[in-house]
Amino acid sequence: MKITYLGHASLLIQTKNHRIVVDPFVSANELAKDKVDLDSLQPDYILLTHAHQDHVLDVEVLAKQKNATIVSNYEIAMHYGAKEFNVHPMNHGGSWNFDFGTIQYVNAVHTSAFADGSYGGQPGGFIIVADGKTIYIAGDTALTLDMKLIPMRHKLDLAILPIGDNFTMDYKDAAIASDFVECNRVMGYHFDTFGYIEIDQAEAKKHFQTQQKELVLLAIGASMAV
């Protein structure tokens, strides 16, 4: 499994035979729009953690490239289904076996509404099991005790956690979250896109190192293997 950071909370996940985009927000991201070519993404699936504009902005453009299936909570799926996109609705605790692997939709503590104010269901995160690897994508969330449920069922190879503070947990809470999910290898995201969530990256990495943990902060467009 290969993960490419597309900026903010956007990811490209490449499994053996499929391409999955998570929370696409590129075209209006000043840090990413000149570094990420939307036309090259060509996803088979698009995963959406919640309905905020900085997570769904480029969904429709990308979904049309290869008639991608949009996977999200029921309300978000129905929103795009009404526009005649392919969708797969999920809800908290539920799992589904897709052709690339398994997804479980798990809890997140945040809000969720589309740009026009319409209801976007309850926010969530994803556990993805594919190619013999298991990753947790937390979405936008506070630190929550629900994270302690994850290692009761899954042994994670990577946890992808927001670290930008203000709208989500900060890097200190992310380090605690890594304890809760029992995964010391963390990829940080949802930081530095705009003023509210700018962080000291060196301090964040140092904080993890003092706890014998690894915090990976990829440059936009850079990739890592899981």
Protein backbone atom coordinates (compact mmCIF):
# COMPACT_ATOMS: atom_id res chain seq x y z
CA MET A 1 0.00 0.00 0.00
CA LYS A 2 1.27 3.46 -0.94
CA ILE A 3 -0.03 6.75 0.46
CA THR A 4 0.50 10.11 -1.23
CA TYR A 5 -0.22 13.31 0.67
CA LEU A 6 -2.30 15.73 -1.41
CA GLY A 7 -2.33 18.51 1.17
CA HIS A 8 -4.63 19.37 4.08
CA ALA A 9 -6.56 16.13 4.80
CA SER A 10 -6.47 14.79 1.25
CA LEU A 11 -4.82 11.48 0.43
CA LEU A 12 -4.26 9.16 -2.50
CA ILE A 13 -4.07 5.53 -1.41
CA GLN A 14 -2.81 3.04 -3.96
CA THR A 15 -3.46 -0.64 -3.33
CA LYS A 16 -2.33 -3.43 -5.61
CA ASN A 17 -5.09 -2.81 -8.15
CA HIS A 18 -7.03 0.27 -7.03
CA ARG A 19 -6.72 3.99 -6.42
CA ILE A 20 -8.57 5.58 -3.50
CA VAL A 21 -8.82 9.31 -2.82
CA VAL A 22 -9.75 10.54 0.65
CA ASP A 23 -11.36 13.94 1.34
CA PRO A 24 -10.30 15.74 -1.85
CA PHE A 25 -9.55 19.44 -1.33
CA VAL A 26 -6.94 20.53 -3.83
CA SER A 27 -8.21 23.14 -6.28
CA ALA A 28 -8.77 25.82 -3.59
CA ASN A 29 -5.82 24.85 -1.40
CA GLU A 30 -3.13 27.46 -2.07
CA LEU A 31 -0.45 25.08 -0.80
CA ALA A 32 -1.49 22.17 -3.04
CA LYS A 33 -3.12 23.39 -6.23
CA ASP A 34 0.17 23.86 -8.09
CA LYS A 35 1.68 20.63 -6.73
CA VAL A 36 -1.14 18.15 -7.32
CA ASP A 37 -2.58 17.40 -10.75
CA LEU A 38 -6.25 16.52 -10.26
CA ASP A 39 -6.42 14.96 -13.72
CA SER A 40 -3.79 12.40 -12.74
CA LEU A 41 -5.60 11.07 -9.67
CA GLN A 42 -8.17 8.89 -11.49
CA PRO A 43 -9.71 7.28 -8.38
CA ASP A 44 -11.73 4.09 -8.32
CA TYR A 45 -13.13 5.09 -4.91
CA ILE A 46 -13.52 8.35 -3.02
CA LEU A 47 -13.80 8.20 0.78
CA LEU A 48 -15.35 11.14 2.62
CA THR A 49 -15.07 11.53 6.39
CA HIS A 50 -17.57 14.40 6.58
CA ALA A 51 -19.25 17.11 4.50
CA HIS A 52 -17.19 20.22 5.17
CA GLN A 53 -16.02 22.04 2.06
CA ASP A 54 -12.34 21.51 2.87
CA HIS A 55 -12.98 17.76 2.55
CA VAL A 56 -15.41 17.46 -0.37
CA LEU A 57 -14.59 20.36 -2.71
CA ASP A 58 -13.21 18.28 -5.59
CA VAL A 59 -15.41 15.20 -5.19
CA GLU A 60 -17.56 15.69 -8.27
CA VAL A 61 -14.67 16.45 -10.61
CA LEU A 62 -12.78 13.36 -9.47
CA ALA A 63 -15.81 11.07 -9.39
CA LYS A 64 -16.43 11.74 -13.08
CA GLN A 65 -12.94 10.66 -14.13
CA LYS A 66 -13.54 6.92 -13.81
CA ASN A 67 -17.12 6.80 -12.51
CA ALA A 68 -15.71 6.35 -9.01
CA THR A 69 -17.76 5.05 -6.09
CA ILE A 70 -18.18 7.56 -3.27
CA VAL A 71 -18.07 5.96 0.18
CA SER A 72 -19.31 7.90 3.20
CA ASN A 73 -22.03 8.10 5.80
CA TYR A 74 -25.62 7.63 4.66
CA GLU A 75 -26.47 11.32 4.36
CA ILE A 76 -23.40 12.23 2.32
CA ALA A 77 -23.87 9.19 0.09
CA MET A 78 -27.50 10.11 -0.56
CA HIS A 79 -26.44 13.70 -1.35
CA TYR A 80 -24.19 12.48 -4.15
CA GLY A 81 -26.49 9.65 -5.14
CA ALA A 82 -29.19 12.23 -5.87
CA LYS A 83 -26.73 13.73 -8.36
CA GLU A 84 -26.43 10.30 -10.02
CA PHE A 85 -22.95 9.45 -8.79
CA ASN A 86 -22.12 5.91 -7.72
CA VAL A 87 -22.27 5.71 -3.93
CA HIS A 88 -21.89 3.24 -1.10
CA PRO A 89 -23.49 4.43 2.18
CA MET A 90 -22.10 3.37 5.54
CA ASN A 91 -22.63 4.21 9.19
CA HIS A 92 -20.71 3.96 12.44
CA GLY A 93 -19.43 0.50 13.33
CA GLY A 94 -20.37 -0.98 9.98
CA SER A 95 -17.92 -2.77 7.69
CA TRP A 96 -18.00 -3.75 4.03
CA ASN A 97 -15.82 -5.94 1.84
CA PHE A 98 -14.91 -4.01 -1.31
CA ASP A 99 -12.90 -5.44 -4.21
CA PHE A 100 -9.69 -3.86 -2.86
CA GLY A 101 -10.21 -4.83 0.80
CA THR A 102 -12.37 -4.03 3.83
CA ILE A 103 -13.51 -0.70 5.24
CA GLN A 104 -14.99 -0.08 8.68
CA TYR A 105 -16.59 3.30 9.39
CA VAL A 106 -15.72 4.46 12.92
CA ASN A 107 -16.59 7.34 15.21
CA ALA A 108 -15.17 10.87 15.06
CA VAL A 109 -16.03 13.88 17.21
CA HIS A 110 -16.55 16.89 14.95
CA THR A 111 -19.36 18.50 12.94
CA SER A 112 -20.57 17.88 9.39
CA ALA A 113 -22.49 20.15 7.02
CA PHE A 114 -22.25 21.01 3.34
CA ALA A 115 -21.28 24.53 2.24
CA ASP A 116 -24.94 25.47 1.78
CA GLY A 117 -25.68 24.48 5.38
CA SER A 118 -27.47 21.24 4.57
CA TYR A 119 -27.00 18.29 6.89
CA GLY A 120 -23.96 16.12 6.29
CA GLY A 121 -24.69 13.33 8.75
CA GLN A 122 -22.33 12.42 11.56
CA PRO A 123 -18.57 12.62 10.90
CA GLY A 124 -16.45 9.49 10.96
CA GLY A 125 -13.14 7.87 10.23
CA PHE A 126 -12.11 4.77 8.30
CA ILE A 127 -10.23 1.59 9.08
CA ILE A 128 -8.90 0.20 5.80
CA VAL A 129 -7.59 -3.34 5.51
CA ALA A 130 -5.95 -4.04 2.15
CA ASP A 131 -2.84 -5.74 0.76
CA GLY A 132 -2.11 -7.25 4.17
CA LYS A 133 -1.94 -3.82 5.85
CA THR A 134 -4.31 -2.00 8.20
CA ILE A 135 -4.52 1.79 8.44
CA TYR A 136 -6.72 4.14 10.45
CA ILE A 137 -7.78 7.45 8.92
CA ALA A 138 -9.24 9.46 11.78
CA GLY A 139 -10.81 12.30 9.81
CA ASP A 140 -11.39 15.57 11.62
CA THR A 141 -11.79 14.66 15.28
CA ALA A 142 -11.06 15.47 18.86
CA LEU A 143 -9.25 12.94 21.00
CA THR A 144 -11.92 10.44 22.03
CA LEU A 145 -12.02 7.35 24.21
CA ASP A 146 -13.76 5.54 21.34
CA MET A 147 -10.29 5.21 19.80
CA LYS A 148 -9.52 2.62 22.48
CA LEU A 149 -12.00 0.28 20.80
CA ILE A 150 -9.97 0.09 17.59
CA PRO A 151 -7.11 -2.17 18.77
CA MET A 152 -9.66 -4.59 20.24
CA ARG A 153 -10.33 -5.61 16.65
CA HIS A 154 -7.53 -4.24 14.47
CA LYS A 155 -3.74 -4.26 14.64
CA LEU A 156 -2.75 -1.04 12.92
CA ASP A 157 0.29 -0.53 10.70
CA LEU A 158 -0.33 3.23 10.47
CA ALA A 159 -2.58 5.82 12.10
CA ILE A 160 -3.34 8.97 10.11
CA LEU A 161 -4.33 11.67 12.60
CA PRO A 162 -5.14 15.40 12.47
CA ILE A 163 -2.59 17.52 14.33
CA GLY A 164 -3.43 21.14 13.47
CA ASP A 165 -5.41 22.09 16.60
CA ASN A 166 -8.27 24.65 16.73
CA PHE A 167 -10.71 22.56 14.62
CA THR A 168 -9.30 19.16 15.64
CA MET A 169 -6.96 17.70 18.22
CA ASP A 170 -3.38 18.98 18.30
CA TYR A 171 -0.18 16.96 18.01
CA LYS A 172 -0.05 16.37 21.77
CA ASP A 173 -3.50 14.82 21.76
CA ALA A 174 -2.53 12.91 18.60
CA ALA A 175 0.32 11.33 20.56
CA ILE A 176 -2.21 10.24 23.19
CA ALA A 177 -4.45 8.95 20.40
CA SER A 178 -1.57 6.81 19.16
CA ASP A 179 -1.53 5.19 22.59
CA PHE A 180 -5.28 4.63 22.46
CA VAL A 181 -5.10 2.92 19.04
CA GLU A 182 -1.83 1.15 19.97
CA CYS A 183 0.09 2.38 16.95
CA ASN A 184 3.37 4.28 17.33
CA ARG A 185 3.69 5.07 13.63
CA VAL A 186 1.61 8.15 12.87
CA MET A 187 1.15 10.24 9.75
CA GLY A 188 0.00 13.75 10.60
CA TYR A 189 -2.42 15.72 8.47
CA HIS A 190 -4.88 18.63 8.64
CA PHE A 191 -2.20 21.22 9.45
CA ASP A 192 -0.62 24.37 7.97
CA THR A 193 -3.29 24.91 5.28
CA PHE A 194 -4.35 28.25 6.75
CA GLY A 195 -3.61 30.37 9.80
CA TYR A 196 -5.85 28.64 12.31
CA ILE A 197 -4.00 25.34 11.93
CA GLU A 198 -0.37 26.35 11.39
CA ILE A 199 2.00 24.36 13.60
CA ASP A 200 5.67 24.08 14.51
CA GLN A 201 6.52 20.89 12.64
CA ALA A 202 9.87 20.43 14.37
CA GLU A 203 8.23 20.68 17.79
CA ALA A 204 5.55 18.19 16.79
CA LYS A 205 8.12 15.64 15.62
CA LYS A 206 10.22 16.18 18.76
CA HIS A 207 7.18 15.57 20.95
CA PHE A 208 6.63 12.19 19.32
CA GLN A 209 10.30 11.28 19.46
CA THR A 210 10.44 11.87 23.22
CA GLN A 211 7.75 9.17 23.52
CA GLN A 212 9.53 6.73 21.20
CA LYS A 213 6.95 7.33 18.50
CA GLU A 214 7.30 8.29 14.82
CA LEU A 215 5.44 11.26 13.37
CA VAL A 216 5.61 11.35 9.57
CA LEU A 217 4.91 14.75 7.99
CA LEU A 218 4.98 14.39 4.24
CA ALA A 219 5.52 17.24 1.83
CA ILE A 220 2.57 17.78 -0.49
CA GLY A 221 2.90 15.33 -3.36
CA ALA A 222 5.26 13.06 -1.43
CA SER A 223 4.51 9.40 -0.73
CA MET A 224 5.18 6.72 1.85
CA ALA A 225 4.85 2.95 1.87
CA VAL A 226 2.85 1.24 4.59
